[in-house]
Amino acid sequence: MMANTAVTLENIVALCKRRGFIFQTADIYNGLNGVYDSGPLGTLMKENIRQAWKRSLKQLPYDIVFFDGALLGNEAMWAASGHVENFHDPLVECKACNARFRTDDVDLEKACARCGKKEWSESREFHMMFKTNLGASVEQASVAYLRPETAQSIFVNFKNIFSSSRVKIPFGVAQLGKAFRNEITPKQFLFRMREFEQMEMEFFCTREQSKELFDFWRAERLSFFTRIGITSERLRLRDHETDELSHYSSATSDVEYLFPFGWKELEGIAHRGNYDLTQHSKHSGKELSVFDESTKQSFIPDVVECSVGVDRLFLTLLFDAYVQEQLEKETRTVLRLHPVIAPIKAGLFPLVESLGEPFARLAKDLQGEGIEVQYDASGSIGKRYRRHDEIGTPFCFTYDYQSETDGAVTIRHRDSMQQERIAMDQIGLYLRTALMWK
């Protein structure tokens, strides 16, 4: 399967700004590299991604609880996890223009792409965590870091979660939240950023269960992406080679997507063993084992981790859904987003503004139910269709003069552009059915 060559990164960036999905943060002040704001449609779509992820976990035959950890962590926690020592990327600098690059992103046999000179420094390790000091003190004891991942707050709270939630091994702890990495070269729009959002799940189990559960989560996470509408032929599972594995991992598989710029990681599934809980128990002096009634012994659980970025998944969905179709007289741009993911579920169009009152009222009622619809009475019906095609709205309903007498409206389907008549009082049921998670 080839990548979706009809779409380019430039197409997506332009669409995001034009339609209010994503804006460069502080754009009027020339922006901040690697940091972006979500516009109205982007905010809605990201929330749909979060909800789909949560529902996918809740439907499984395991206990999974949710957690929300702090963004700041003290140095001791990050030293125990190995991040202070190991969280680096290789950096090389052009001595002529002072531009910095990841060493693995440049060919040191060639000249600098920015200034055209070949004056490279030696490669060195660059620490990627954002460091700060708490309060007014600048002493070592006040050092803290913005978290580069969400997982560690789950590990240090493991016993609190385990005892208060009354769960039993095996069980999972899931978390959504911001993470921060001082990337050397943020690139490809939302693909690699300095401030981003993660959806992570740590699944605690016995050593004997861990291999089977690692295989279970590999298959389950791959399946999730097809269920939210991503083309299966553009997805694959790739196992890490031994020299790729993180210091905590005995096995890792990536779900990869075929972007226009190649196969890239979408989600990582890692067998972390009991590395994290063992490290935090050792460094804190606190007992993090659990007691097994069947064996009458205590043990430290193994962990299978599933980690996907909200922003990277958002970008993937846009790439996968973006299509340009050549019609008889024009080119139609359409986002073929799954209805569950689409930011606007339906457009409600009165044929003319004087017919708008019934649909304006219905729009408020549906929004009150949590169904995001958009009342739109501006411009020709054709132009309204094109606006909503471009933002991925799966259904558009038109209230016309005939609706005044027969109580029916025209529904137009985004992907096929086919139309049919349905009773106006059935719109709510139609949308609720279309939006059911499968």
Protein backbone atom coordinates (compact mmCIF):
# COMPACT_ATOMS: atom_id res chain seq x y z
CA MET A 1 0.00 0.00 0.00
CA MET A 2 1.36 3.40 -0.98
CA ALA A 3 1.15 6.48 1.19
CA ASN A 4 -1.68 8.91 0.48
CA THR A 5 0.33 10.82 -2.13
CA ALA A 6 -2.58 13.14 -2.87
CA VAL A 7 -1.88 14.91 0.42
CA THR A 8 1.20 16.85 1.42
CA LEU A 9 2.27 18.33 4.72
CA GLU A 10 1.66 21.76 3.18
CA ASN A 11 -1.96 20.76 2.41
CA ILE A 12 -2.55 19.80 6.03
CA VAL A 13 -0.87 22.88 7.52
CA ALA A 14 -2.91 25.18 5.26
CA LEU A 15 -6.17 23.35 6.02
CA CYS A 16 -5.54 23.47 9.77
CA LYS A 17 -5.06 27.24 9.78
CA ARG A 18 -7.80 28.03 7.24
CA ARG A 19 -10.49 25.99 8.97
CA GLY A 20 -9.49 26.50 12.61
CA PHE A 21 -7.96 23.15 13.52
CA ILE A 22 -4.46 24.25 14.59
CA PHE A 23 -2.70 27.61 14.92
CA GLN A 24 0.96 28.42 15.53
CA THR A 25 1.14 29.54 19.14
CA ALA A 26 1.78 33.29 19.59
CA ASP A 27 1.66 33.67 15.82
CA ILE A 28 1.47 37.48 16.00
CA TYR A 29 4.84 37.38 17.80
CA ASN A 30 6.44 35.10 15.19
CA GLY A 31 5.40 31.94 17.03
CA LEU A 32 7.27 29.47 19.21
CA ASN A 33 8.95 26.61 17.39
CA GLY A 34 7.48 23.20 18.21
CA VAL A 35 4.47 24.57 20.11
CA TYR A 36 0.93 24.89 18.71
CA ASP A 37 -2.56 25.93 19.81
CA SER A 38 -5.76 24.04 19.03
CA GLY A 39 -8.46 26.10 17.29
CA PRO A 40 -12.20 25.50 17.71
CA LEU A 41 -12.37 22.50 15.35
CA GLY A 42 -9.07 21.08 16.57
CA THR A 43 -10.28 21.26 20.17
CA LEU A 44 -13.45 19.34 19.28
CA MET A 45 -11.58 16.72 17.26
CA LYS A 46 -8.95 16.14 19.94
CA GLU A 47 -11.66 15.63 22.54
CA ASN A 48 -13.25 13.04 20.25
CA ILE A 49 -9.89 11.25 20.01
CA ARG A 50 -9.57 11.22 23.80
CA GLN A 51 -13.08 9.88 24.26
CA ALA A 52 -12.56 7.16 21.63
CA TRP A 53 -9.37 6.07 23.41
CA LYS A 54 -11.11 5.97 26.79
CA ARG A 55 -14.03 3.98 25.42
CA SER A 56 -11.71 1.51 23.71
CA LEU A 57 -10.14 0.73 27.10
CA LYS A 58 -13.39 0.57 29.03
CA GLN A 59 -14.82 -2.07 26.69
CA LEU A 60 -12.05 -4.58 27.42
CA PRO A 61 -12.38 -7.49 29.89
CA TYR A 62 -9.90 -5.96 32.35
CA ASP A 63 -10.11 -3.40 35.14
CA ILE A 64 -8.64 -0.10 33.97
CA VAL A 65 -8.74 2.97 36.20
CA PHE A 66 -7.91 6.54 35.23
CA PHE A 67 -5.40 8.87 36.82
CA ASP A 68 -4.22 12.48 36.42
CA GLY A 69 -0.69 13.20 37.63
CA ALA A 70 1.16 16.47 38.11
CA LEU A 71 3.18 18.11 35.33
CA LEU A 72 6.11 18.83 37.65
CA GLY A 73 8.22 16.16 39.30
CA ASN A 74 11.16 16.46 41.70
CA GLU A 75 14.64 15.50 40.64
CA ALA A 76 14.71 12.39 42.81
CA MET A 77 11.83 10.82 40.87
CA TRP A 78 13.44 11.45 37.49
CA ALA A 79 16.82 10.24 38.71
CA ALA A 80 15.24 6.97 39.89
CA SER A 81 13.44 6.45 36.56
CA GLY A 82 16.70 6.89 34.63
CA HIS A 83 15.60 10.05 32.82
CA VAL A 84 18.21 12.35 34.37
CA GLU A 85 20.97 10.04 33.17
CA ASN A 86 19.53 8.62 29.97
CA PHE A 87 17.04 11.07 28.42
CA HIS A 88 19.32 12.47 25.71
CA ASP A 89 19.45 12.86 21.95
CA PRO A 90 22.63 13.23 19.88
CA LEU A 91 23.28 16.84 18.82
CA VAL A 92 25.64 18.34 16.28
CA GLU A 93 26.19 22.06 15.64
CA CYS A 94 27.25 23.98 12.55
CA LYS A 95 30.17 26.14 13.69
CA ALA A 96 29.57 28.62 10.88
CA CYS A 97 25.92 29.55 11.57
CA ASN A 98 25.37 27.94 15.00
CA ALA A 99 22.41 25.92 13.75
CA ARG A 100 21.78 22.77 15.78
CA PHE A 101 20.55 19.43 14.46
CA ARG A 102 19.95 15.91 15.68
CA THR A 103 23.04 14.01 14.57
CA ASP A 104 20.92 11.29 12.97
CA ASP A 105 19.03 13.89 10.90
CA VAL A 106 22.04 15.22 8.95
CA ASP A 107 24.75 13.85 6.70
CA LEU A 108 28.00 15.11 8.20
CA GLU A 109 29.77 14.43 4.93
CA LYS A 110 27.73 17.22 3.35
CA ALA A 111 27.50 20.95 3.96
CA CYS A 112 25.00 22.56 6.34
CA ALA A 113 21.64 22.99 4.65
CA ARG A 114 21.20 26.44 6.24
CA CYS A 115 24.47 28.18 5.43
CA GLY A 116 26.14 25.90 2.87
CA LYS A 117 29.35 25.46 4.87
CA LYS A 118 30.83 22.21 6.14
CA GLU A 119 32.06 23.04 9.63
CA TRP A 120 30.49 20.50 11.99
CA SER A 121 31.16 20.17 15.70
CA GLU A 122 31.64 16.83 17.41
CA SER A 123 28.39 15.03 18.20
CA ARG A 124 27.35 15.30 21.86
CA GLU A 125 24.46 14.23 24.04
CA PHE A 126 21.77 16.88 24.56
CA HIS A 127 19.48 16.54 27.58
CA MET A 128 15.83 16.89 26.54
CA MET A 129 14.07 17.57 29.86
CA PHE A 130 12.91 21.06 30.80
CA LYS A 131 14.53 21.94 34.13
CA THR A 132 13.30 24.55 36.59
CA ASN A 133 13.55 25.58 40.25
CA LEU A 134 10.65 25.62 42.66
CA GLY A 135 9.98 28.84 44.54
CA ALA A 136 12.59 31.53 45.02
CA SER A 137 15.39 29.14 45.88
CA VAL A 138 17.98 28.11 43.30
CA GLU A 139 19.55 25.44 45.47
CA GLN A 140 19.89 21.87 44.21
CA ALA A 141 17.08 20.72 46.50
CA SER A 142 14.62 22.95 44.63
CA VAL A 143 15.29 21.42 41.19
CA ALA A 144 12.24 20.05 39.37
CA TYR A 145 11.48 18.95 35.81
CA LEU A 146 8.49 19.22 33.54
CA ARG A 147 7.55 15.64 32.82
CA PRO A 148 8.80 14.22 29.49
CA GLU A 149 6.22 11.42 29.75
CA THR A 150 3.14 10.73 31.87
CA ALA A 151 4.10 7.23 33.03
CA GLN A 152 6.28 7.98 36.06
CA SER A 153 3.53 9.60 38.12
CA ILE A 154 1.57 6.36 37.72
CA PHE A 155 4.49 4.28 38.98
CA VAL A 156 5.20 6.42 42.04
CA ASN A 157 1.47 6.34 42.91
CA PHE A 158 1.11 2.61 42.24
CA LYS A 159 0.43 1.58 45.84
CA ASN A 160 -1.97 4.50 46.40
CA ILE A 161 -3.94 3.54 43.30
CA PHE A 162 -3.84 -0.19 44.06
CA SER A 163 -5.08 0.13 47.65
CA SER A 164 -7.71 2.83 47.06
CA SER A 165 -9.24 1.39 43.88
CA ARG A 166 -9.65 -2.18 45.22
CA VAL A 167 -8.43 -3.63 41.93
CA LYS A 168 -6.58 -6.89 41.52
CA ILE A 169 -3.65 -7.90 39.34
CA PRO A 170 -3.85 -7.77 36.33
CA PHE A 171 -5.21 -4.25 35.91
CA GLY A 172 -4.36 -1.05 34.06
CA VAL A 173 -3.90 2.61 34.94
CA ALA A 174 -4.57 5.05 32.11
CA GLN A 175 -3.66 8.73 31.91
CA LEU A 176 -4.06 11.60 29.47
CA GLY A 177 -2.01 14.73 29.78
CA LYS A 178 0.67 17.12 28.59
CA ALA A 179 4.35 16.21 28.38
CA PHE A 180 7.34 18.36 27.46
CA ARG A 181 10.54 17.55 25.58
CA ASN A 182 13.18 20.05 24.53
CA GLU A 183 13.46 18.61 21.03
CA ILE A 184 16.57 19.69 19.14
CA THR A 185 14.71 20.00 15.86
CA PRO A 186 10.90 19.92 16.09
CA LYS A 187 9.67 18.94 12.64
CA GLN A 188 6.85 17.93 10.34
CA PHE A 189 4.26 20.14 12.02
CA LEU A 190 2.58 18.18 14.84
CA PHE A 191 4.68 15.06 14.38
CA ARG A 192 7.52 16.12 16.69
CA MET A 193 6.81 18.93 19.15
CA ARG A 194 8.16 20.36 22.38
CA GLU A 195 4.78 20.48 24.14
CA PHE A 196 2.42 17.63 23.36
CA GLU A 197 -0.28 15.44 24.86
CA GLN A 198 0.04 11.73 25.61
CA MET A 199 -2.45 8.93 26.18
CA GLU A 200 -0.64 6.25 28.16
CA MET A 201 -1.75 3.06 29.85
CA GLU A 202 0.39 1.04 32.26
CA PHE A 203 -0.91 -2.52 32.62
CA PHE A 204 0.30 -4.29 35.77
CA CYS A 205 0.54 -8.08 35.74
CA THR A 206 2.56 -11.05 36.96
CA ARG A 207 5.73 -12.13 35.20
CA GLU A 208 3.93 -15.26 33.99
CA GLN A 209 1.12 -13.21 32.43
CA SER A 210 3.34 -10.58 30.83
CA LYS A 211 4.22 -12.28 27.52
CA GLU A 212 0.61 -13.15 26.71
CA LEU A 213 -0.55 -9.65 27.69
CA PHE A 214 2.18 -8.00 25.64
CA ASP A 215 0.87 -9.89 22.61
CA PHE A 216 -2.72 -8.99 23.55
CA TRP A 217 -1.97 -5.26 23.72
CA ARG A 218 -0.01 -5.32 20.46
CA ALA A 219 -3.07 -6.67 18.64
CA GLU A 220 -5.58 -4.53 20.54
CA ARG A 221 -3.81 -1.26 19.92
CA LEU A 222 -3.39 -1.97 16.21
CA SER A 223 -7.11 -2.78 16.02
CA PHE A 224 -8.04 0.51 17.73
CA PHE A 225 -6.65 2.57 14.86
CA THR A 226 -8.68 0.74 12.21
CA ARG A 227 -11.82 1.09 14.34
CA ILE A 228 -11.47 4.89 14.32
CA GLY A 229 -11.18 4.86 10.54
CA ILE A 230 -7.45 4.72 9.70
CA THR A 231 -6.72 2.73 6.54
CA SER A 232 -5.44 -0.69 7.61
CA GLU A 233 -3.05 -0.98 4.65
CA ARG A 234 -1.19 2.11 5.92
CA LEU A 235 -0.61 0.54 9.35
CA ARG A 236 1.89 -2.07 10.50
CA LEU A 237 3.45 -3.49 13.67
CA ARG A 238 7.23 -3.33 13.84
CA ASP A 239 9.24 -5.03 16.57
CA HIS A 240 12.30 -3.17 17.86
CA GLU A 241 15.71 -4.65 17.30
CA THR A 242 17.81 -5.29 20.42
CA ASP A 243 19.95 -2.18 19.87
CA GLU A 244 16.81 0.02 19.63
CA LEU A 245 15.34 -0.95 22.99
CA SER A 246 15.06 1.64 25.75
CA HIS A 247 16.98 0.99 28.96
CA TYR A 248 13.80 -0.21 30.69
CA SER A 249 12.39 -2.41 27.91
CA SER A 250 12.85 -6.12 27.22
CA ALA A 251 10.57 -5.93 24.14
CA THR A 252 8.90 -3.09 22.26
CA SER A 253 6.64 -2.96 19.21
CA ASP A 254 5.58 0.17 17.37
CA VAL A 255 2.35 0.65 15.49
CA GLU A 256 3.61 2.57 12.46
CA TYR A 257 1.73 4.60 9.86
CA LEU A 258 2.82 5.23 6.28
CA PHE A 259 3.02 9.02 6.14
CA PRO A 260 3.96 10.83 2.90
CA PHE A 261 7.41 11.15 4.54
CA GLY A 262 7.70 7.41 5.27
CA TRP A 263 6.80 4.82 7.92
CA LYS A 264 6.82 6.49 11.34
CA GLU A 265 5.82 5.52 14.86
CA LEU A 266 2.22 6.13 15.90
CA GLU A 267 2.09 4.18 19.17
CA GLY A 268 4.62 2.25 21.22
CA ILE A 269 3.80 -0.94 23.14
CA ALA A 270 6.61 -1.79 25.57
CA HIS A 271 7.27 -4.67 27.95
CA ARG A 272 8.86 -2.68 30.77
CA GLY A 273 9.24 -5.65 33.13
CA ASN A 274 9.31 -4.50 36.75
CA TYR A 275 12.08 -1.97 36.10
CA ASP A 276 10.15 1.15 37.09
CA LEU A 277 8.57 -0.09 40.31
CA THR A 278 11.86 -1.70 41.36
CA GLN A 279 13.78 1.53 40.74
CA HIS A 280 11.31 3.69 42.64
CA SER A 281 11.19 1.22 45.52
CA LYS A 282 15.00 1.18 45.71
CA HIS A 283 15.46 4.96 45.51
CA SER A 284 12.56 5.96 47.77
CA GLY A 285 12.94 3.19 50.33
CA LYS A 286 9.19 2.49 50.05
CA GLU A 287 7.77 -0.99 49.49
CA LEU A 288 5.98 -1.25 46.11
CA SER A 289 5.32 -4.99 46.01
CA VAL A 290 1.90 -6.65 46.23
CA PHE A 291 0.86 -9.80 48.06
CA ASP A 292 -0.37 -12.80 46.08
CA GLU A 293 -2.94 -14.74 48.09
CA SER A 294 -2.57 -17.85 45.92
CA THR A 295 1.18 -18.18 46.45
CA LYS A 296 1.34 -16.38 49.82
CA GLN A 297 4.25 -14.35 48.48
CA SER A 298 4.89 -10.72 47.66
CA PHE A 299 6.11 -9.65 44.22
CA ILE A 300 6.71 -6.51 42.18
CA PRO A 301 4.40 -6.53 39.11
CA ASP A 302 5.61 -6.42 35.54
CA VAL A 303 4.22 -3.69 33.28
CA VAL A 304 3.09 -3.55 29.66
CA GLU A 305 2.88 0.07 28.49
CA CYS A 306 0.85 1.47 25.59
CA SER A 307 1.66 5.06 24.68
CA VAL A 308 0.25 7.21 21.88
CA GLY A 309 0.37 10.97 21.33
CA VAL A 310 -2.93 12.81 20.89
CA ASP A 311 -1.30 15.33 18.54
CA ARG A 312 0.45 12.72 16.42
CA LEU A 313 -2.74 10.67 16.15
CA PHE A 314 -4.63 13.86 15.26
CA LEU A 315 -2.12 14.51 12.46
CA THR A 316 -2.34 10.90 11.27
CA LEU A 317 -6.12 11.06 11.05
CA LEU A 318 -5.92 14.22 8.95
CA PHE A 319 -3.37 12.69 6.59
CA ASP A 320 -5.40 9.51 6.24
CA ALA A 321 -8.74 11.27 5.71
CA TYR A 322 -7.62 14.05 3.33
CA VAL A 323 -8.76 13.51 -0.26
CA GLN A 324 -8.99 15.79 -3.28
CA GLU A 325 -11.58 14.66 -5.84
CA GLN A 326 -11.92 16.04 -9.33
CA LEU A 327 -15.59 16.66 -10.03
CA GLU A 328 -17.08 17.84 -13.30
CA LYS A 329 -16.49 21.55 -12.69
CA GLU A 330 -14.32 21.75 -9.58
CA THR A 331 -11.95 20.01 -7.19
CA ARG A 332 -13.56 18.87 -3.97
CA THR A 333 -11.45 18.69 -0.82
CA VAL A 334 -12.91 16.30 1.72
CA LEU A 335 -11.85 14.86 5.06
CA ARG A 336 -13.22 11.30 5.23
CA LEU A 337 -13.10 11.21 9.03
CA HIS A 338 -14.93 8.53 10.97
CA PRO A 339 -18.16 10.07 12.38
CA VAL A 340 -16.91 9.37 15.92
CA ILE A 341 -13.79 11.48 15.24
CA ALA A 342 -15.28 14.25 13.06
CA PRO A 343 -15.40 17.55 14.99
CA ILE A 344 -18.84 18.50 13.63
CA LYS A 345 -21.27 15.61 13.33
CA ALA A 346 -23.85 17.34 11.15
CA GLY A 347 -24.54 20.58 9.34
CA LEU A 348 -28.08 21.92 9.61
CA PHE A 349 -28.93 24.10 6.60
CA PRO A 350 -32.14 26.03 5.99
CA LEU A 351 -32.54 26.44 2.24
CA VAL A 352 -33.03 30.16 2.87
CA GLU A 353 -32.54 32.06 6.10
CA SER A 354 -36.27 32.72 6.52
CA LEU A 355 -36.76 28.95 6.99
CA GLY A 356 -34.11 28.77 9.69
CA GLU A 357 -36.06 28.77 12.94
CA PRO A 358 -36.80 24.98 13.17
CA PHE A 359 -33.15 24.04 12.51
CA ALA A 360 -31.79 26.75 14.82
CA ARG A 361 -33.90 25.28 17.62
CA LEU A 362 -32.90 21.70 16.74
CA ALA A 363 -29.21 22.66 16.76
CA LYS A 364 -29.50 23.88 20.36
CA ASP A 365 -31.35 20.72 21.40
CA LEU A 366 -28.73 18.40 19.83
CA GLN A 367 -25.84 20.37 21.29
CA GLY A 368 -27.54 20.07 24.67
CA GLU A 369 -27.37 16.29 24.24
CA GLY A 370 -23.66 16.51 23.52
CA ILE A 371 -23.96 16.05 19.74
CA GLU A 372 -21.86 18.74 18.08
CA VAL A 373 -23.77 20.15 15.11
CA GLN A 374 -23.46 23.44 13.26
CA TYR A 375 -26.34 25.61 12.12
CA ASP A 376 -25.27 27.26 8.86
CA ALA A 377 -27.50 29.60 6.86
CA SER A 378 -24.79 31.54 5.00
CA GLY A 379 -24.16 31.18 1.26
CA SER A 380 -25.48 28.75 -1.32
CA ILE A 381 -26.18 25.13 -0.37
CA GLY A 382 -23.32 24.05 -2.62
CA LYS A 383 -20.81 26.28 -0.85
CA ARG A 384 -22.07 25.10 2.53
CA TYR A 385 -21.55 21.50 1.44
CA ARG A 386 -17.98 22.27 0.39
CA ARG A 387 -17.16 23.97 3.70
CA HIS A 388 -18.38 20.97 5.63
CA ASP A 389 -16.72 18.47 3.30
CA GLU A 390 -13.41 20.16 4.07
CA ILE A 391 -13.84 19.92 7.85
CA GLY A 392 -15.04 16.30 7.72
CA THR A 393 -18.74 16.72 8.62
CA PRO A 394 -20.27 13.32 7.73
CA PHE A 395 -23.91 14.45 7.32
CA CYS A 396 -25.65 17.61 6.16
CA PHE A 397 -29.39 18.17 6.52
CA THR A 398 -31.36 20.71 4.48
CA TYR A 399 -34.72 22.15 5.51
CA ASP A 400 -36.59 23.41 2.43
CA TYR A 401 -40.04 24.67 1.45
CA GLN A 402 -41.35 21.10 1.16
CA SER A 403 -40.25 20.47 4.75
CA GLU A 404 -42.87 23.00 5.85
CA THR A 405 -45.62 20.65 4.68
CA ASP A 406 -44.24 17.07 4.93
CA GLY A 407 -41.97 17.40 8.00
CA ALA A 408 -39.09 15.77 6.10
CA VAL A 409 -35.59 17.04 5.32
CA THR A 410 -32.87 16.09 2.86
CA ILE A 411 -29.80 14.32 4.23
CA ARG A 412 -26.66 14.48 2.13
CA HIS A 413 -23.82 12.02 2.83
CA ARG A 414 -20.29 13.45 2.78
CA ASP A 415 -18.42 10.55 1.17
CA SER A 416 -20.87 9.51 -1.54
CA MET A 417 -22.64 12.90 -1.91
CA GLN A 418 -25.89 10.91 -2.23
CA GLN A 419 -29.08 12.42 -0.85
CA GLU A 420 -32.29 11.06 0.66
CA ARG A 421 -35.30 12.32 2.59
CA ILE A 422 -35.91 11.48 6.23
CA ALA A 423 -38.38 12.75 8.80
CA MET A 424 -37.04 15.75 10.67
CA ASP A 425 -37.98 14.24 14.03
CA GLN A 426 -35.68 11.29 13.24
CA ILE A 427 -32.48 13.38 12.91
CA GLY A 428 -31.49 12.93 16.55
CA LEU A 429 -31.95 9.14 16.41
CA TYR A 430 -30.11 8.97 13.09
CA LEU A 431 -27.08 10.78 14.52
CA ARG A 432 -27.05 8.84 17.79
CA THR A 433 -27.04 5.59 15.82
CA ALA A 434 -24.27 6.76 13.47
CA LEU A 435 -22.14 7.84 16.40
CA MET A 436 -22.38 4.60 18.36
CA TRP A 437 -18.93 3.19 19.13
CA LYS A 438 -18.36 -0.17 17.44
